[in-house]
Amino acid sequence: TDQVFLLPTLLILVRECEVSTSVFITVFLKLYGCDYGDYLNQLKMERAFQLIKNAKMQPNVVGEMIGYETFNDFLIAFKNYFGITPNEIGKA
């Protein structure tokens, strides 16, 4: 399994760091300039792009791998993030 898909949840990180949720969120935001959910989304989308472009994986398979229940949900999220659909990667 691809490591990017095994990233811990916010709750797990808070427990492991032994800090409050608010402290973790504040520190994470200062360090990375975004919240943890946005950071996870960025990692997933960048990995999805790589898998589709370089590994020539089918977009519907990649969408499922990164946690989308439907291809349409993945398609919308991908287009919102990159401004193109997964099928347009080779044309970009």
Protein backbone atom coordinates (compact mmCIF):
# COMPACT_ATOMS: atom_id res chain seq x y z
CA THR A 1 0.00 0.00 0.00
CA ASP A 2 1.22 3.47 -0.84
CA GLN A 3 2.46 5.29 2.29
CA VAL A 4 0.64 8.53 1.48
CA PHE A 5 -2.62 6.70 2.08
CA LEU A 6 -1.54 5.55 5.54
CA LEU A 7 -1.19 8.99 7.05
CA PRO A 8 -2.53 9.31 10.59
CA THR A 9 -5.69 11.14 11.47
CA LEU A 10 -5.60 14.38 13.41
CA LEU A 11 -6.80 12.57 16.53
CA ILE A 12 -3.96 10.05 16.34
CA LEU A 13 -1.37 12.82 15.90
CA VAL A 14 -2.76 14.77 18.85
CA ARG A 15 -2.53 11.68 21.04
CA GLU A 16 0.99 10.81 19.84
CA CYS A 17 2.23 14.36 20.38
CA GLU A 18 0.53 14.54 23.78
CA VAL A 19 -0.83 18.02 23.16
CA SER A 20 -4.32 19.43 22.96
CA THR A 21 -6.06 19.57 19.61
CA SER A 22 -5.98 23.37 19.63
CA VAL A 23 -2.22 23.46 20.29
CA PHE A 24 -1.55 20.92 17.53
CA ILE A 25 -3.71 22.83 15.04
CA THR A 26 -2.02 26.14 15.90
CA VAL A 27 1.51 24.74 15.62
CA PHE A 28 0.73 22.82 12.42
CA LEU A 29 -0.72 25.93 10.81
CA LYS A 30 2.35 27.97 11.74
CA LEU A 31 4.73 25.31 10.40
CA TYR A 32 2.93 24.37 7.18
CA GLY A 33 0.75 27.38 6.41
CA CYS A 34 -2.41 25.28 6.15
CA ASP A 35 -4.53 23.06 8.32
CA TYR A 36 -3.96 19.31 8.58
CA GLY A 37 -6.96 18.43 6.40
CA ASP A 38 -5.75 20.69 3.59
CA TYR A 39 -2.25 19.23 3.95
CA LEU A 40 -3.58 15.67 3.63
CA ASN A 41 -5.64 16.66 0.60
CA GLN A 42 -2.55 18.20 -1.01
CA LEU A 43 -0.52 15.02 -0.45
CA LYS A 44 -3.29 12.83 -1.82
CA MET A 45 -3.88 14.97 -4.90
CA GLU A 46 -0.18 15.25 -5.73
CA ARG A 47 0.22 11.49 -5.36
CA ALA A 48 -2.87 10.87 -7.47
CA PHE A 49 -1.41 13.05 -10.22
CA GLN A 50 1.87 11.10 -10.12
CA LEU A 51 0.13 7.74 -10.24
CA ILE A 52 -2.02 8.74 -13.20
CA LYS A 53 0.79 10.41 -15.13
CA ASN A 54 3.86 8.30 -14.34
CA ALA A 55 2.44 4.92 -13.36
CA LYS A 56 -0.29 5.18 -16.01
CA MET A 57 -2.92 4.07 -13.50
CA GLN A 58 -6.57 4.52 -14.31
CA PRO A 59 -8.10 7.59 -12.62
CA ASN A 60 -11.02 5.62 -11.19
CA VAL A 61 -8.60 3.21 -9.47
CA VAL A 62 -6.51 6.08 -8.10
CA GLY A 63 -9.59 7.89 -6.81
CA GLU A 64 -10.63 4.80 -4.91
CA MET A 65 -7.11 4.34 -3.55
CA ILE A 66 -7.08 7.78 -1.99
CA GLY A 67 -10.47 7.37 -0.37
CA TYR A 68 -13.14 8.68 -2.72
CA GLU A 69 -16.32 6.64 -2.72
CA THR A 70 -17.24 7.56 -6.28
CA PHE A 71 -15.23 8.48 -9.33
CA ASN A 72 -17.39 11.58 -9.76
CA ASP A 73 -16.36 12.86 -6.30
CA PHE A 74 -12.69 12.28 -7.18
CA LEU A 75 -13.15 13.94 -10.56
CA ILE A 76 -14.64 17.07 -8.98
CA ALA A 77 -11.95 17.27 -6.28
CA PHE A 78 -9.16 16.69 -8.81
CA LYS A 79 -10.49 19.37 -11.16
CA ASN A 80 -10.91 21.83 -8.27
CA TYR A 81 -7.34 21.20 -7.15
CA PHE A 82 -5.51 21.13 -10.50
CA GLY A 83 -7.90 22.92 -12.86
CA ILE A 84 -7.93 19.92 -15.22
CA THR A 85 -9.54 16.50 -15.15
CA PRO A 86 -7.44 13.36 -14.59
CA ASN A 87 -7.96 12.43 -18.25
CA GLU A 88 -6.34 15.69 -19.33
CA ILE A 89 -3.04 15.02 -17.56
CA GLY A 90 -1.31 13.73 -20.67
CA LYS A 91 -2.49 16.78 -22.57
CA ALA A 92 -1.30 19.32 -19.98
